[in-house]
Protein backbone atom coordinates (compact mmCIF):
# COMPACT_ATOMS: atom_id res chain seq x y z
CA MET A 1 32.72 -66.78 -73.20
CA SER A 2 33.42 -68.06 -76.73
CA VAL A 3 31.18 -67.56 -79.75
CA VAL A 4 30.24 -71.25 -79.78
CA GLN A 5 29.16 -71.10 -76.13
CA GLN A 6 27.07 -67.97 -76.76
CA LEU A 7 25.30 -69.57 -79.73
CA SER A 8 24.62 -72.80 -77.82
CA GLN A 9 23.20 -70.93 -74.84
CA GLN A 10 21.06 -68.67 -77.03
CA ASN A 11 19.60 -71.65 -78.86
CA ALA A 12 19.26 -73.78 -75.74
CA PRO A 13 15.58 -72.93 -75.01
CA LEU A 14 14.62 -74.03 -78.53
CA THR A 15 16.09 -77.51 -78.02
CA SER A 16 14.19 -80.13 -76.07
CA SER A 17 14.08 -83.88 -75.81
CA THR A 18 10.71 -83.93 -77.58
CA GLY A 19 12.11 -81.99 -80.51
CA VAL A 20 15.11 -84.29 -80.80
CA ALA A 21 12.84 -87.36 -80.67
CA GLN A 22 10.57 -85.92 -83.37
CA THR A 23 13.56 -85.17 -85.59
CA GLY A 24 14.88 -88.70 -85.13
CA ILE A 25 11.49 -90.24 -85.98
CA MET A 26 11.19 -88.09 -89.12
CA ALA A 27 14.71 -89.04 -90.23
CA LEU A 28 13.93 -92.73 -89.69
CA MET A 29 10.74 -92.43 -91.72
CA MET A 30 12.61 -90.73 -94.58
CA ILE A 31 15.24 -93.48 -94.61
CA MET A 32 12.51 -96.12 -94.69
CA MET A 33 10.73 -94.37 -97.56
CA PHE A 34 13.82 -94.18 -99.76
CA THR A 35 15.33 -97.59 -98.96
CA MET A 36 12.34 -99.91 -98.78
CA ASP A 37 10.74 -101.19 -101.96
CA GLY A 38 7.52 -103.13 -102.46
CA ARG A 39 8.59 -106.01 -100.23
CA TYR A 40 8.51 -103.75 -97.17
CA GLN A 41 5.45 -101.64 -97.89
CA SER A 42 3.10 -103.68 -95.73
CA LEU A 43 3.16 -103.26 -91.98
CA PHE A 44 3.72 -106.95 -91.36
CA GLY A 45 6.59 -107.02 -93.85
CA MET A 46 8.26 -104.08 -92.14
CA ALA A 47 7.82 -105.68 -88.72
CA GLY A 48 9.28 -108.94 -90.00
CA LYS A 49 12.35 -107.24 -91.44
CA PHE A 50 12.79 -105.26 -88.23
CA LEU A 51 12.76 -108.48 -86.21
CA VAL A 52 15.33 -109.97 -88.59
CA ILE A 53 17.62 -106.99 -87.98
CA LEU A 54 17.18 -107.35 -84.22
CA ARG A 55 18.05 -111.04 -84.43
CA ARG A 56 21.21 -110.32 -86.43
CA ALA A 57 22.21 -107.61 -83.95
CA LEU A 58 21.38 -109.65 -80.84
CA PRO A 59 25.02 -110.44 -79.84
CA GLU A 60 26.04 -106.78 -79.95
CA TYR A 61 22.90 -105.75 -78.07
CA CYS A 62 23.55 -108.31 -75.34
CA ALA A 63 27.15 -107.19 -75.04
CA THR A 64 26.07 -103.55 -74.80
CA VAL A 65 23.53 -104.38 -72.10
CA PHE A 66 26.21 -106.27 -70.18
CA CYS A 67 28.52 -103.26 -70.53
CA ALA A 68 25.78 -100.99 -69.16
CA MET A 69 25.07 -103.33 -66.24
CA LEU A 70 28.78 -103.57 -65.41
CA THR A 71 29.07 -99.78 -65.45
CA LEU A 72 26.07 -99.39 -63.16
CA CYS A 73 27.43 -101.97 -60.74
CA VAL A 74 30.79 -100.22 -60.55
CA CYS A 75 29.14 -96.83 -60.03
CA TRP A 76 26.45 -97.87 -57.55
CA PHE A 77 28.47 -100.28 -55.41
CA GLU A 78 31.54 -98.11 -55.12
CA PRO A 79 32.91 -98.22 -51.56
CA GLU A 80 32.41 -95.07 -49.53
CA GLU A 81 36.09 -94.72 -48.69
CA GLN A 82 36.98 -94.88 -52.38
CA ALA A 83 34.28 -92.35 -53.21
CA ASP A 84 35.72 -89.97 -50.63
CA SER A 85 39.28 -90.44 -51.88
CA VAL A 86 38.63 -89.56 -55.51
CA HIS A 87 38.79 -86.02 -56.76
CA SER A 88 35.16 -85.81 -57.89
CA SER A 89 33.32 -83.25 -55.81
CA LEU A 90 29.93 -83.78 -54.22
CA HIS A 91 28.31 -81.37 -56.69
CA VAL A 92 29.55 -83.39 -59.64
CA ARG A 93 28.15 -86.60 -58.15
CA GLN A 94 24.82 -84.89 -57.58
CA PHE A 95 24.76 -83.79 -61.21
CA TRP A 96 25.64 -87.34 -62.34
CA PRO A 97 23.55 -89.47 -59.94
CA ILE A 98 23.96 -92.66 -62.00
CA LEU A 99 27.41 -92.45 -63.58
CA GLN A 100 28.85 -90.49 -60.61
CA ASP A 101 31.34 -88.63 -62.83
CA PRO A 102 31.56 -87.52 -66.49
CA ASP A 103 34.79 -89.50 -66.88
CA THR A 104 32.63 -92.63 -66.70
CA LEU A 105 31.63 -91.84 -70.29
CA LEU A 106 35.24 -92.46 -71.34
CA ALA A 107 35.15 -95.82 -69.58
CA VAL A 108 31.94 -96.66 -71.46
CA HIS A 109 33.67 -95.58 -74.67
CA GLY A 110 36.54 -97.95 -73.97
CA MET A 111 34.23 -100.90 -73.31
CA LEU A 112 32.12 -100.17 -76.39
CA ARG A 113 35.25 -100.04 -78.50
CA CYS A 114 36.17 -103.53 -77.25
CA ILE A 115 32.68 -104.72 -78.24
CA ILE A 116 33.13 -103.20 -81.70
CA LEU A 117 36.48 -104.89 -82.27
CA VAL A 118 35.27 -108.28 -81.05
CA SER A 119 32.22 -107.94 -83.28
CA VAL A 120 34.43 -107.14 -86.28
CA TRP A 121 36.42 -110.32 -85.58
CA PHE A 122 33.32 -112.53 -85.79
CA ARG A 123 31.46 -110.59 -88.49
CA ALA A 124 34.47 -110.80 -90.80
CA ARG A 125 33.49 -114.41 -91.54
CA GLN A 126 30.87 -113.14 -94.00
CA SER A 127 32.56 -109.90 -95.15
CA TRP A 128 34.77 -107.27 -93.61
CA PRO A 129 32.63 -104.43 -92.20
CA VAL A 130 35.62 -102.10 -91.81
CA PRO A 131 38.67 -101.39 -94.00
CA ALA A 132 42.27 -102.04 -93.03
CA SER A 133 42.97 -98.31 -92.74
CA PHE A 134 40.32 -98.05 -90.00
CA LEU A 135 42.19 -100.68 -88.00
CA HIS A 136 45.55 -98.99 -88.53
CA PHE A 137 44.35 -95.58 -87.38
CA THR A 138 42.51 -97.17 -84.45
CA ALA A 139 45.75 -98.83 -83.33
CA VAL A 140 47.57 -95.49 -83.39
CA SER A 141 44.75 -93.85 -81.44
CA LEU A 142 44.81 -96.60 -78.80
CA VAL A 143 48.58 -96.28 -78.31
CA ALA A 144 48.14 -92.53 -77.74
CA GLN A 145 45.27 -93.12 -75.30
CA ILE A 146 47.30 -95.63 -73.29
CA TYR A 147 50.03 -93.01 -73.01
CA LEU A 148 47.51 -90.42 -71.80
CA ASN A 149 46.07 -92.81 -69.21
CA THR A 150 49.50 -93.10 -67.63
CA GLN A 151 49.71 -89.33 -67.14
CA ALA A 152 48.22 -87.81 -64.00
CA ALA A 153 46.68 -84.84 -65.81
CA PHE A 154 44.56 -87.07 -68.09
CA ALA A 155 43.87 -89.97 -65.73
CA LEU A 156 40.22 -90.80 -65.17
CA GLU A 157 38.38 -89.71 -62.05
CA GLY A 158 35.31 -91.23 -60.47
CA PRO A 159 34.42 -94.92 -60.19
CA PHE A 160 36.86 -95.96 -62.94
CA ALA A 161 39.83 -94.10 -61.52
CA GLY A 162 43.07 -96.04 -61.56
CA ASP A 163 44.56 -98.43 -64.11
CA SER A 164 41.30 -99.89 -65.39
CA MET A 165 41.38 -97.90 -68.64
CA ILE A 166 44.95 -99.01 -69.35
CA TYR A 167 43.82 -102.65 -69.33
CA ILE A 168 40.73 -101.89 -71.42
CA HIS A 169 42.71 -99.98 -74.04
CA GLY A 170 45.43 -102.63 -73.93
CA PHE A 171 42.92 -105.35 -74.78
CA ALA A 172 41.48 -103.19 -77.56
CA LEU A 173 44.97 -102.61 -78.97
CA LEU A 174 45.69 -106.35 -79.05
CA MET A 175 42.37 -106.98 -80.79
CA THR A 176 43.13 -104.26 -83.35
CA LEU A 177 46.54 -105.69 -84.18
CA ALA A 178 45.07 -109.20 -84.49
CA LEU A 179 42.33 -107.89 -86.77
CA ALA A 180 44.84 -106.04 -88.95
CA ARG A 181 46.86 -109.24 -89.37
CA LYS A 182 43.73 -111.28 -90.08
CA HIS A 183 42.57 -108.70 -92.64
CA LYS A 184 45.95 -108.85 -94.39
CA LEU A 185 45.91 -112.66 -94.54
CA GLN A 186 42.34 -112.92 -95.82
CA THR A 187 42.19 -110.05 -98.31
CA GLY A 188 45.83 -109.49 -99.23
CA GLU A 189 45.20 -105.75 -99.20
CA ARG A 190 48.31 -103.66 -99.58
CA VAL A 191 49.41 -101.30 -96.85
CA TYR A 192 50.13 -97.71 -97.87
CA PRO A 193 52.53 -96.42 -95.23
CA LEU A 194 53.25 -93.16 -97.03
CA ALA A 195 49.60 -92.17 -97.19
CA MET A 196 49.01 -93.17 -93.59
CA LEU A 197 52.13 -91.35 -92.44
CA SER A 198 51.01 -88.20 -94.22
CA VAL A 199 47.67 -88.30 -92.39
CA LEU A 200 49.44 -88.79 -89.06
CA LEU A 201 51.85 -85.94 -89.77
CA VAL A 202 49.02 -83.57 -90.64
CA SER A 203 47.09 -84.66 -87.54
CA GLY A 204 50.17 -84.16 -85.39
CA TYR A 205 50.84 -80.70 -86.81
CA VAL A 206 47.23 -79.59 -86.29
CA ALA A 207 47.25 -81.05 -82.77
CA TRP A 208 50.48 -79.23 -81.87
CA SER A 209 49.13 -75.97 -83.30
CA ASN A 210 45.84 -76.36 -81.41
CA ARG A 211 46.46 -77.82 -77.97
CA LEU A 212 44.90 -77.35 -74.57
CA ASP A 213 46.55 -76.14 -71.39
CA ILE A 214 45.65 -78.97 -69.01
CA ALA A 215 48.97 -80.71 -68.35
CA THR A 216 52.27 -79.04 -67.61
CA GLU A 217 53.91 -80.75 -70.58
CA SER A 218 52.94 -79.53 -74.03
CA VAL A 219 53.41 -83.00 -75.51
CA GLU A 220 50.64 -84.44 -73.37
CA ASN A 221 48.22 -81.69 -74.40
CA ALA A 222 49.11 -82.20 -78.06
CA VAL A 223 48.59 -85.97 -77.79
CA PHE A 224 45.11 -85.37 -76.36
CA SER A 225 44.16 -83.38 -79.48
CA PHE A 226 45.99 -85.87 -81.70
CA VAL A 227 43.71 -88.71 -80.56
CA SER A 228 40.58 -86.89 -81.73
CA PHE A 229 42.03 -86.06 -85.14
CA VAL A 230 43.19 -89.64 -85.73
CA ASP A 231 39.72 -90.87 -84.79
CA VAL A 232 38.28 -88.55 -87.44
CA ALA A 233 40.62 -90.09 -90.03
CA ALA A 234 39.55 -93.60 -89.00
CA MET A 235 35.85 -92.77 -89.19
CA LEU A 236 36.35 -91.02 -92.56
CA HIS A 237 37.89 -94.15 -94.05
CA PHE A 238 35.11 -96.25 -92.52
CA ALA A 239 32.40 -94.03 -94.04
CA ILE A 240 34.05 -94.04 -97.48
CA TYR A 241 34.43 -97.81 -97.37
CA CYS A 242 30.74 -98.31 -96.56
CA CYS A 243 29.61 -95.83 -99.21
CA CYS A 244 31.76 -97.51 -101.86
CA SER A 245 30.27 -100.89 -100.93
CA ILE A 246 26.62 -99.91 -101.51
CA PHE A 247 26.45 -101.29 -105.04
CA GLY A 248 29.33 -103.76 -104.81
CA GLY A 249 27.47 -106.50 -102.96
CA GLU A 250 30.08 -106.88 -100.20
CA PHE A 251 27.43 -106.43 -97.48
CA SER A 252 24.77 -108.66 -99.06
CA SER A 253 25.39 -111.47 -96.57
CA SER A 254 26.86 -109.44 -93.71
CA ASN A 255 25.38 -109.54 -90.21
CA ALA A 256 27.03 -106.38 -88.88
CA ASP A 257 23.78 -104.56 -88.10
CA GLY A 258 24.47 -104.38 -84.38
CA LEU A 259 28.08 -103.36 -84.98
CA MET A 260 26.98 -100.29 -86.92
CA LEU A 261 24.53 -99.18 -84.24
CA VAL A 262 27.02 -99.73 -81.41
CA MET A 263 29.57 -97.66 -83.32
CA ILE A 264 27.15 -94.72 -83.38
CA VAL A 265 26.47 -95.05 -79.65
CA ASP A 266 30.21 -95.17 -79.00
CA ARG A 267 30.88 -91.95 -80.88
CA VAL A 268 27.91 -90.20 -79.27
CA ALA A 269 29.30 -90.98 -75.80
CA VAL A 270 32.66 -89.37 -76.64
CA MET A 271 31.00 -86.38 -78.29
CA TYR A 272 28.80 -85.76 -75.26
CA TYR A 273 31.83 -85.96 -72.97
CA VAL A 274 33.80 -83.39 -74.96
CA LEU A 275 30.90 -80.97 -75.36
CA ASP A 276 30.08 -81.27 -71.66
CA ALA A 277 33.72 -80.71 -70.66
CA PHE A 278 33.90 -77.52 -72.73
CA SER A 279 30.51 -76.23 -71.45
CA LEU A 280 29.05 -76.27 -74.95
CA LEU A 281 25.85 -77.97 -73.82
CA PRO A 282 22.84 -76.06 -72.48
CA ASN A 283 23.14 -77.93 -69.17
CA SER A 284 26.78 -78.90 -68.62
CA THR A 285 28.59 -80.15 -65.54
CA SER A 286 30.70 -77.03 -65.07
CA ALA A 287 27.64 -74.78 -65.26
CA ALA A 288 25.79 -76.93 -62.72
CA ILE A 289 28.59 -76.76 -60.15
CA GLY A 290 29.21 -73.06 -60.77
CA ALA A 291 32.63 -73.41 -62.40
CA GLU A 292 32.31 -71.75 -65.78
CA VAL A 293 34.85 -72.95 -68.33
CA LYS A 294 36.48 -70.14 -70.29
CA GLU A 295 38.25 -70.84 -73.54
CA ALA A 296 41.23 -68.66 -72.62
CA ASP A 297 41.86 -70.64 -69.44
CA LEU A 298 42.14 -73.99 -71.25
CA THR A 299 43.85 -72.86 -74.46
CA ALA A 300 47.61 -73.01 -74.82
CA VAL A 301 47.75 -72.18 -78.52
CA GLY A 302 45.26 -72.06 -81.40
CA HIS A 303 41.61 -73.01 -81.03
CA PRO A 304 41.62 -76.51 -79.54
CA MET A 305 38.13 -76.37 -78.02
CA LEU A 306 36.54 -75.54 -81.36
CA LEU A 307 38.51 -78.12 -83.34
CA LEU A 308 38.02 -80.90 -80.79
CA SER A 309 34.28 -80.24 -80.67
CA VAL A 310 34.03 -80.22 -84.45
CA ALA A 311 36.11 -83.41 -84.63
CA GLN A 312 33.77 -85.29 -82.30
CA VAL A 313 30.66 -84.08 -84.13
CA ALA A 314 32.29 -85.15 -87.40
CA CYS A 315 32.97 -88.61 -85.95
CA VAL A 316 29.30 -89.02 -85.07
CA ALA A 317 28.25 -87.81 -88.53
CA LEU A 318 30.68 -90.17 -90.29
CA ALA A 319 29.62 -93.12 -88.13
CA THR A 320 25.99 -92.39 -88.98
CA LEU A 321 26.82 -92.03 -92.68
CA GLY A 322 28.65 -95.34 -92.71
CA SER A 323 25.82 -97.09 -90.88
CA VAL A 324 23.18 -95.71 -93.26
CA ALA A 325 25.34 -96.78 -96.22
CA TYR A 326 25.61 -100.28 -94.73
CA PHE A 327 21.84 -100.67 -94.35
CA LEU A 328 21.31 -99.29 -97.85
CA ALA A 329 23.78 -101.85 -99.22
CA ARG A 330 22.14 -104.59 -97.16
CA PHE A 331 18.67 -103.88 -98.51
CA TRP A 332 19.76 -102.95 -102.02
CA ASN A 333 21.73 -106.14 -102.65
CA GLU A 334 19.55 -108.55 -100.69
CA ASP A 335 18.07 -110.09 -103.83
CA LYS A 336 20.31 -108.70 -106.55
CA VAL A 337 23.62 -110.25 -105.51
CA PRO A 338 22.42 -113.89 -105.41
CA VAL A 339 20.97 -113.49 -108.92
CA ALA A 340 24.25 -112.06 -110.23
CA LEU A 341 26.21 -115.08 -108.90
CA GLN A 342 24.31 -117.91 -110.56
CA THR A 343 27.06 -119.81 -112.33
CA PRO A 344 30.47 -121.00 -111.12
CA ASP A 345 32.15 -118.98 -113.89
CA GLN A 346 30.60 -115.79 -112.54
CA VAL A 347 31.72 -116.67 -109.03
CA ARG A 348 35.32 -117.27 -110.18
CA ALA A 349 35.28 -114.04 -112.19
CA ARG A 350 34.13 -112.08 -109.17
CA ILE A 351 36.84 -113.62 -106.96
CA ALA A 352 39.48 -112.80 -109.58
CA GLU A 353 38.21 -109.23 -109.81
CA HIS A 354 38.49 -108.74 -106.04
CA ALA A 355 41.96 -110.29 -106.06
CA GLN A 356 43.14 -107.75 -108.65
CA VAL A 357 41.41 -104.75 -107.01
CA PRO A 358 41.73 -105.03 -103.22
CA VAL A 359 38.66 -104.06 -101.27
CA GLY A 360 39.10 -101.14 -98.92
CA LYS A 361 41.87 -99.34 -100.85
CA LEU A 362 40.79 -96.09 -99.31
CA SER A 363 44.16 -94.38 -99.18
CA SER A 364 44.16 -94.01 -102.93
CA ILE A 365 40.61 -92.63 -102.82
CA VAL A 366 41.22 -90.04 -100.14
CA PHE A 367 44.56 -88.93 -101.54
């Protein structure tokens, strides 16, 4: 048993759903205290602003609910002969009575990613909620995931077994490429291939030096780790972009509230899947069915379980950071940006400034 598993099991009794809920409520209250000024101090003002946020996020919420209903329909109305033919054991289905298999979380992740990309396409009419580098790294990650879905060792089991994920990731890849082209045409932002290539080379080297022992081919195991590290790079650029836009006014008229929240849910689903697969949760699938996962059995070289777990936790943290930065920018510039753009000369000066300094030039910031 690894050190991470021992620490998680020792601290498991101290963690409960009530404690997590209390921590979330306290964090929400702290964010409200530091971000809301006199306009939001009254209860009715806060409720009104909350309803405004819900109205702006209504399309993403409806799409997420549809995604959840579609997942439940696929899981609940799965034919008996198909359920018997898949590799999921009866114990796993008893532990996952609704989703039927932990691999369903990856299917949910794929559908949520499609919702995120479609939302970016429509929300870009006001301002771009993500940088170009996020789209580029996402495209690379999707190509790697499509390759993994074609391999038997990494194919999904359960209700979404088969070629369904290839079509979902294929649609997401097409959306990503279309968004990257649209971003280039609208903003004129330069592409930095050398900086991007350096990130991919580092990610590939770390993935090759820390790969699992699931498939017979080492390349497939390295690609599985490579996907997580590229996702970290994408979320890092997203978080930096949102933090740099707090005082710039780019998000003053944006309606990407739902997009930010769906992005957090998407990363949480992947993180839960990875932690559950490595038995790092107090109540994991492998522990419930009596098949304890040992780090030595799944490790080909390096420490892939540790790095993959840290990578997924980092993705959730960066998604949360970017979302908090977006809401801070939304509230901070709600009244200040319209005042700053009172005359046509100021508007033209601002457009000229953005034309000279492209928004989202994150490669030069990170490197």
